[in-house]
Amino acid sequence: MAKVLIADDAAFMRMKSANLVKELGHEVVEAADGAEAVAMYKQHHPDAVLLDITMPVMDGMEALKEILAADPNAKVAMVTAMGQQQIIMEAIKTGAKDFVVKPFDADRIQSALWKLVG
């Protein structure tokens, strides 16, 4: 069982993601924006992060950079809407390990978590 941080400003998407991750047998920690994601990462040291790109306060790219600065071994998958390919490429170059395109299904979340934590 892994501890997974889910960061998304949309409460419905956070709930949907959390339910899928819990069904796969993992523990969930949630954050509603990028700044909260960084704080929750530092507090809980999760095994994996599902990080939305578009969020208020601090976007996913900035949160990714701060999480990786705090822990260069952080395992982060970016969550994105269609049409953000340029940002996805930047995130991968920055250190994200995978990405998930919304809307997603349980199989895609499971695949991303497998890639991040085995």
N, C-alpha and C. Protein backbone atom coordinates (compact mmCIF):
# COMPACT_ATOMS: atom_id res chain seq x y z
N MET A 1 0.84 -1.19 0.00
CA MET A 1 0.00 0.00 0.00
C MET A 1 0.89 1.25 0.00
N ALA A 2 0.55 2.18 -0.86
CA ALA A 2 1.30 3.43 -0.95
C ALA A 2 0.46 4.58 -0.41
N LYS A 3 1.13 5.64 0.01
CA LYS A 3 0.45 6.87 0.38
C LYS A 3 0.52 7.79 -0.83
N VAL A 4 -0.65 8.25 -1.30
CA VAL A 4 -0.74 9.04 -2.52
C VAL A 4 -1.33 10.42 -2.21
N LEU A 5 -0.61 11.45 -2.61
CA LEU A 5 -1.10 12.82 -2.50
C LEU A 5 -1.83 13.18 -3.78
N ILE A 6 -3.07 13.61 -3.66
CA ILE A 6 -3.87 14.04 -4.81
C ILE A 6 -4.09 15.54 -4.67
N ALA A 7 -3.59 16.30 -5.64
CA ALA A 7 -3.72 17.76 -5.62
C ALA A 7 -4.54 18.20 -6.83
N ASP A 8 -5.72 18.74 -6.56
CA ASP A 8 -6.61 19.24 -7.62
C ASP A 8 -7.53 20.28 -7.00
N ASP A 9 -7.71 21.41 -7.67
CA ASP A 9 -8.57 22.46 -7.12
C ASP A 9 -10.05 22.12 -7.26
N ALA A 10 -10.40 21.20 -8.14
CA ALA A 10 -11.80 20.81 -8.32
C ALA A 10 -12.14 19.69 -7.32
N ALA A 11 -13.02 20.01 -6.37
CA ALA A 11 -13.37 19.04 -5.32
C ALA A 11 -13.89 17.73 -5.91
N PHE A 12 -14.69 17.81 -6.97
CA PHE A 12 -15.23 16.60 -7.59
C PHE A 12 -14.11 15.72 -8.14
N MET A 13 -13.13 16.32 -8.81
CA MET A 13 -12.02 15.54 -9.37
C MET A 13 -11.16 14.94 -8.26
N ARG A 14 -10.96 15.68 -7.18
CA ARG A 14 -10.21 15.15 -6.04
C ARG A 14 -10.93 13.95 -5.46
N MET A 15 -12.25 14.08 -5.29
CA MET A 15 -13.04 12.98 -4.73
C MET A 15 -13.00 11.76 -5.65
N LYS A 16 -13.17 11.98 -6.96
CA LYS A 16 -13.15 10.88 -7.91
C LYS A 16 -11.78 10.18 -7.88
N SER A 17 -10.72 10.97 -7.90
CA SER A 17 -9.36 10.40 -7.86
C SER A 17 -9.13 9.65 -6.56
N ALA A 18 -9.52 10.27 -5.45
CA ALA A 18 -9.32 9.65 -4.14
C ALA A 18 -10.06 8.32 -4.05
N ASN A 19 -11.29 8.27 -4.54
CA ASN A 19 -12.05 7.03 -4.50
C ASN A 19 -11.37 5.94 -5.32
N LEU A 20 -10.88 6.28 -6.51
CA LEU A 20 -10.19 5.30 -7.34
C LEU A 20 -8.92 4.78 -6.66
N VAL A 21 -8.15 5.70 -6.10
CA VAL A 21 -6.89 5.33 -5.45
C VAL A 21 -7.15 4.46 -4.22
N LYS A 22 -8.18 4.80 -3.45
CA LYS A 22 -8.54 4.00 -2.27
C LYS A 22 -9.00 2.60 -2.68
N GLU A 23 -9.78 2.51 -3.78
CA GLU A 23 -10.23 1.21 -4.28
C GLU A 23 -9.05 0.33 -4.68
N LEU A 24 -7.95 0.96 -5.07
CA LEU A 24 -6.75 0.20 -5.43
C LEU A 24 -5.92 -0.17 -4.19
N GLY A 25 -6.42 0.21 -3.01
CA GLY A 25 -5.78 -0.20 -1.77
C GLY A 25 -4.76 0.76 -1.19
N HIS A 26 -4.75 2.00 -1.68
CA HIS A 26 -3.77 2.97 -1.21
C HIS A 26 -4.39 3.98 -0.25
N GLU A 27 -3.53 4.61 0.53
CA GLU A 27 -3.93 5.69 1.43
C GLU A 27 -3.89 7.00 0.64
N VAL A 28 -4.78 7.94 0.97
CA VAL A 28 -4.88 9.19 0.23
C VAL A 28 -4.72 10.40 1.15
N VAL A 29 -3.95 11.37 0.66
CA VAL A 29 -3.83 12.69 1.27
C VAL A 29 -4.25 13.67 0.18
N GLU A 30 -5.03 14.70 0.54
CA GLU A 30 -5.54 15.61 -0.48
C GLU A 30 -5.06 17.05 -0.29
N ALA A 31 -4.96 17.78 -1.41
CA ALA A 31 -4.62 19.20 -1.41
C ALA A 31 -5.48 19.89 -2.46
N ALA A 32 -5.89 21.14 -2.17
CA ALA A 32 -6.80 21.87 -3.05
C ALA A 32 -6.09 22.87 -3.97
N ASP A 33 -4.78 23.07 -3.77
CA ASP A 33 -4.03 23.95 -4.67
C ASP A 33 -2.55 23.58 -4.58
N GLY A 34 -1.75 24.22 -5.41
CA GLY A 34 -0.34 23.88 -5.48
C GLY A 34 0.43 24.15 -4.20
N ALA A 35 0.13 25.28 -3.55
CA ALA A 35 0.83 25.61 -2.31
C ALA A 35 0.50 24.60 -1.22
N GLU A 36 -0.76 24.21 -1.15
CA GLU A 36 -1.16 23.19 -0.17
C GLU A 36 -0.52 21.85 -0.51
N ALA A 37 -0.38 21.55 -1.80
CA ALA A 37 0.26 20.30 -2.22
C ALA A 37 1.70 20.24 -1.72
N VAL A 38 2.43 21.34 -1.86
CA VAL A 38 3.82 21.38 -1.40
C VAL A 38 3.87 21.17 0.12
N ALA A 39 2.99 21.87 0.84
CA ALA A 39 2.95 21.73 2.31
C ALA A 39 2.59 20.31 2.72
N MET A 40 1.59 19.72 2.06
CA MET A 40 1.17 18.35 2.39
C MET A 40 2.27 17.35 2.04
N TYR A 41 3.00 17.60 0.94
CA TYR A 41 4.10 16.71 0.59
C TYR A 41 5.15 16.71 1.69
N LYS A 42 5.51 17.90 2.14
CA LYS A 42 6.54 18.02 3.18
C LYS A 42 6.08 17.41 4.50
N GLN A 43 4.79 17.52 4.78
CA GLN A 43 4.25 16.99 6.03
C GLN A 43 4.08 15.47 6.00
N HIS A 44 3.57 14.92 4.89
CA HIS A 44 3.19 13.51 4.83
C HIS A 44 4.17 12.60 4.09
N HIS A 45 5.09 13.17 3.33
CA HIS A 45 6.07 12.38 2.55
C HIS A 45 5.41 11.21 1.81
N PRO A 46 4.46 11.52 0.91
CA PRO A 46 3.76 10.44 0.19
C PRO A 46 4.69 9.69 -0.77
N ASP A 47 4.27 8.48 -1.12
CA ASP A 47 5.04 7.66 -2.05
C ASP A 47 4.85 8.11 -3.48
N ALA A 48 3.71 8.75 -3.76
CA ALA A 48 3.39 9.20 -5.12
C ALA A 48 2.49 10.43 -5.04
N VAL A 49 2.52 11.23 -6.12
CA VAL A 49 1.71 12.44 -6.19
C VAL A 49 0.99 12.47 -7.53
N LEU A 50 -0.31 12.74 -7.50
CA LEU A 50 -1.09 13.04 -8.70
C LEU A 50 -1.36 14.54 -8.62
N LEU A 51 -0.71 15.31 -9.49
CA LEU A 51 -0.68 16.76 -9.38
C LEU A 51 -1.33 17.43 -10.58
N ASP A 52 -2.46 18.10 -10.36
CA ASP A 52 -3.14 18.82 -11.42
C ASP A 52 -2.25 19.98 -11.87
N ILE A 53 -2.28 20.30 -13.15
CA ILE A 53 -1.46 21.39 -13.66
C ILE A 53 -2.09 22.75 -13.39
N THR A 54 -3.39 22.88 -13.65
CA THR A 54 -4.07 24.17 -13.54
C THR A 54 -4.76 24.29 -12.19
N MET A 55 -4.15 25.08 -11.29
CA MET A 55 -4.70 25.30 -9.95
C MET A 55 -4.43 26.74 -9.54
N PRO A 56 -5.26 27.26 -8.61
CA PRO A 56 -5.02 28.61 -8.09
C PRO A 56 -3.88 28.62 -7.07
N VAL A 57 -3.52 29.78 -6.63
CA VAL A 57 -2.48 30.04 -5.62
C VAL A 57 -1.09 29.70 -6.18
N MET A 58 -0.88 28.44 -6.53
CA MET A 58 0.36 27.99 -7.16
C MET A 58 -0.02 26.90 -8.14
N ASP A 59 0.38 27.03 -9.41
CA ASP A 59 -0.01 26.02 -10.39
C ASP A 59 0.82 24.74 -10.21
N GLY A 60 0.43 23.71 -10.94
CA GLY A 60 1.09 22.42 -10.80
C GLY A 60 2.55 22.42 -11.18
N MET A 61 2.93 23.22 -12.17
CA MET A 61 4.35 23.27 -12.57
C MET A 61 5.21 23.84 -11.45
N GLU A 62 4.76 24.92 -10.83
CA GLU A 62 5.52 25.52 -9.74
C GLU A 62 5.55 24.56 -8.54
N ALA A 63 4.42 23.91 -8.26
CA ALA A 63 4.38 22.94 -7.16
C ALA A 63 5.33 21.78 -7.44
N LEU A 64 5.37 21.31 -8.69
CA LEU A 64 6.29 20.24 -9.07
C LEU A 64 7.73 20.64 -8.76
N LYS A 65 8.09 21.84 -9.17
CA LYS A 65 9.46 22.33 -8.93
C LYS A 65 9.78 22.40 -7.44
N GLU A 66 8.83 22.87 -6.64
CA GLU A 66 9.07 22.98 -5.20
C GLU A 66 9.13 21.61 -4.53
N ILE A 67 8.28 20.69 -4.96
CA ILE A 67 8.31 19.33 -4.40
C ILE A 67 9.64 18.67 -4.74
N LEU A 68 10.09 18.81 -5.99
CA LEU A 68 11.37 18.20 -6.39
C LEU A 68 12.56 18.88 -5.71
N ALA A 69 12.44 20.17 -5.41
CA ALA A 69 13.51 20.85 -4.68
C ALA A 69 13.61 20.30 -3.25
N ALA A 70 12.45 19.99 -2.67
CA ALA A 70 12.41 19.43 -1.31
C ALA A 70 12.82 17.96 -1.31
N ASP A 71 12.48 17.24 -2.37
CA ASP A 71 12.77 15.80 -2.47
C ASP A 71 13.02 15.45 -3.94
N PRO A 72 14.29 15.42 -4.35
CA PRO A 72 14.62 15.11 -5.74
C PRO A 72 14.14 13.73 -6.20
N ASN A 73 13.80 12.85 -5.26
CA ASN A 73 13.32 11.50 -5.60
C ASN A 73 11.80 11.41 -5.62
N ALA A 74 11.10 12.53 -5.49
CA ALA A 74 9.63 12.52 -5.49
C ALA A 74 9.12 11.90 -6.78
N LYS A 75 8.05 11.12 -6.64
CA LYS A 75 7.43 10.45 -7.79
C LYS A 75 6.10 11.14 -8.07
N VAL A 76 6.11 11.94 -9.13
CA VAL A 76 4.96 12.79 -9.45
C VAL A 76 4.43 12.48 -10.84
N ALA A 77 3.10 12.33 -10.93
CA ALA A 77 2.42 12.24 -12.23
C ALA A 77 1.55 13.48 -12.35
N MET A 78 1.68 14.18 -13.46
CA MET A 78 0.88 15.38 -13.71
C MET A 78 -0.50 14.97 -14.24
N VAL A 79 -1.53 15.68 -13.81
CA VAL A 79 -2.89 15.45 -14.29
C VAL A 79 -3.27 16.68 -15.10
N THR A 80 -3.74 16.43 -16.32
CA THR A 80 -3.95 17.53 -17.24
C THR A 80 -5.20 17.35 -18.09
N ALA A 81 -5.74 18.44 -18.55
CA ALA A 81 -6.83 18.41 -19.52
C ALA A 81 -6.21 18.26 -20.91
N MET A 82 -7.01 17.88 -21.86
CA MET A 82 -6.53 17.79 -23.24
C MET A 82 -6.01 19.16 -23.69
N GLY A 83 -5.03 19.15 -24.59
CA GLY A 83 -4.56 20.40 -25.16
C GLY A 83 -3.44 21.07 -24.39
N GLN A 84 -2.86 20.37 -23.41
CA GLN A 84 -1.77 20.95 -22.64
C GLN A 84 -0.46 20.20 -22.88
N GLN A 85 -0.27 19.71 -24.10
CA GLN A 85 0.91 18.90 -24.42
C GLN A 85 2.22 19.63 -24.15
N GLN A 86 2.28 20.91 -24.45
CA GLN A 86 3.51 21.68 -24.23
C GLN A 86 3.89 21.68 -22.76
N ILE A 87 2.89 21.89 -21.90
CA ILE A 87 3.13 21.90 -20.46
C ILE A 87 3.53 20.51 -19.98
N ILE A 88 2.91 19.47 -20.55
CA ILE A 88 3.27 18.10 -20.17
C ILE A 88 4.74 17.84 -20.47
N MET A 89 5.19 18.24 -21.66
CA MET A 89 6.60 18.03 -22.03
C MET A 89 7.52 18.78 -21.06
N GLU A 90 7.16 20.00 -20.69
CA GLU A 90 7.94 20.77 -19.74
C GLU A 90 7.98 20.06 -18.38
N ALA A 91 6.83 19.50 -17.97
CA ALA A 91 6.76 18.80 -16.68
C ALA A 91 7.65 17.56 -16.68
N ILE A 92 7.64 16.81 -17.78
CA ILE A 92 8.49 15.61 -17.88
C ILE A 92 9.96 16.02 -17.82
N LYS A 93 10.32 17.08 -18.54
CA LYS A 93 11.71 17.56 -18.51
C LYS A 93 12.10 18.04 -17.11
N THR A 94 11.13 18.60 -16.38
CA THR A 94 11.39 19.09 -15.03
C THR A 94 11.59 17.95 -14.05
N GLY A 95 10.93 16.80 -14.30
CA GLY A 95 11.11 15.66 -13.41
C GLY A 95 9.87 14.85 -13.12
N ALA A 96 8.72 15.22 -13.69
CA ALA A 96 7.52 14.39 -13.54
C ALA A 96 7.78 13.04 -14.19
N LYS A 97 7.24 11.98 -13.60
CA LYS A 97 7.48 10.63 -14.09
C LYS A 97 6.42 10.14 -15.07
N ASP A 98 5.24 10.77 -15.05
CA ASP A 98 4.14 10.32 -15.90
C ASP A 98 3.11 11.44 -15.97
N PHE A 99 2.09 11.24 -16.78
CA PHE A 99 0.98 12.18 -16.84
C PHE A 99 -0.31 11.43 -17.11
N VAL A 100 -1.40 11.99 -16.63
CA VAL A 100 -2.73 11.40 -16.80
C VAL A 100 -3.61 12.49 -17.40
N VAL A 101 -4.30 12.16 -18.48
CA VAL A 101 -5.18 13.13 -19.15
C VAL A 101 -6.62 12.95 -18.65
N LYS A 102 -7.25 14.08 -18.25
CA LYS A 102 -8.66 14.06 -17.86
C LYS A 102 -9.52 14.02 -19.11
N PRO A 103 -10.67 13.41 -19.09
CA PRO A 103 -11.16 12.55 -18.01
C PRO A 103 -10.43 11.20 -18.06
N PHE A 104 -10.20 10.63 -16.91
CA PHE A 104 -9.45 9.37 -16.83
C PHE A 104 -10.33 8.28 -16.23
N ASP A 105 -9.85 7.05 -16.33
CA ASP A 105 -10.57 5.93 -15.74
C ASP A 105 -9.66 5.21 -14.74
N ALA A 106 -10.21 4.23 -14.07
CA ALA A 106 -9.48 3.51 -13.02
C ALA A 106 -8.22 2.85 -13.58
N ASP A 107 -8.29 2.30 -14.79
CA ASP A 107 -7.13 1.64 -15.38
C ASP A 107 -5.97 2.61 -15.58
N ARG A 108 -6.26 3.84 -16.00
CA ARG A 108 -5.19 4.81 -16.24
C ARG A 108 -4.55 5.25 -14.92
N ILE A 109 -5.37 5.44 -13.90
CA ILE A 109 -4.83 5.80 -12.58
C ILE A 109 -3.97 4.65 -12.05
N GLN A 110 -4.46 3.42 -12.19
CA GLN A 110 -3.70 2.26 -11.73
C GLN A 110 -2.36 2.16 -12.47
N SER A 111 -2.38 2.39 -13.77
CA SER A 111 -1.16 2.35 -14.57
C SER A 111 -0.16 3.41 -14.11
N ALA A 112 -0.65 4.62 -13.85
CA ALA A 112 0.23 5.70 -13.40
C ALA A 112 0.83 5.36 -12.04
N LEU A 113 0.01 4.85 -11.14
CA LEU A 113 0.53 4.51 -9.80
C LEU A 113 1.52 3.36 -9.88
N TRP A 114 1.27 2.39 -10.76
CA TRP A 114 2.20 1.28 -10.94
C TRP A 114 3.56 1.82 -11.42
N LYS A 115 3.50 2.76 -12.35
CA LYS A 115 4.72 3.36 -12.87
C LYS A 115 5.48 4.12 -11.77
N LEU A 116 4.72 4.77 -10.87
CA LEU A 116 5.35 5.58 -9.82
C LEU A 116 5.87 4.75 -8.65
N VAL A 117 5.07 3.80 -8.19
CA VAL A 117 5.44 3.08 -6.96
C VAL A 117 5.55 1.57 -7.10
N GLY A 118 5.28 1.04 -8.29
CA GLY A 118 5.41 -0.39 -8.50
C GLY A 118 4.28 -1.21 -7.95
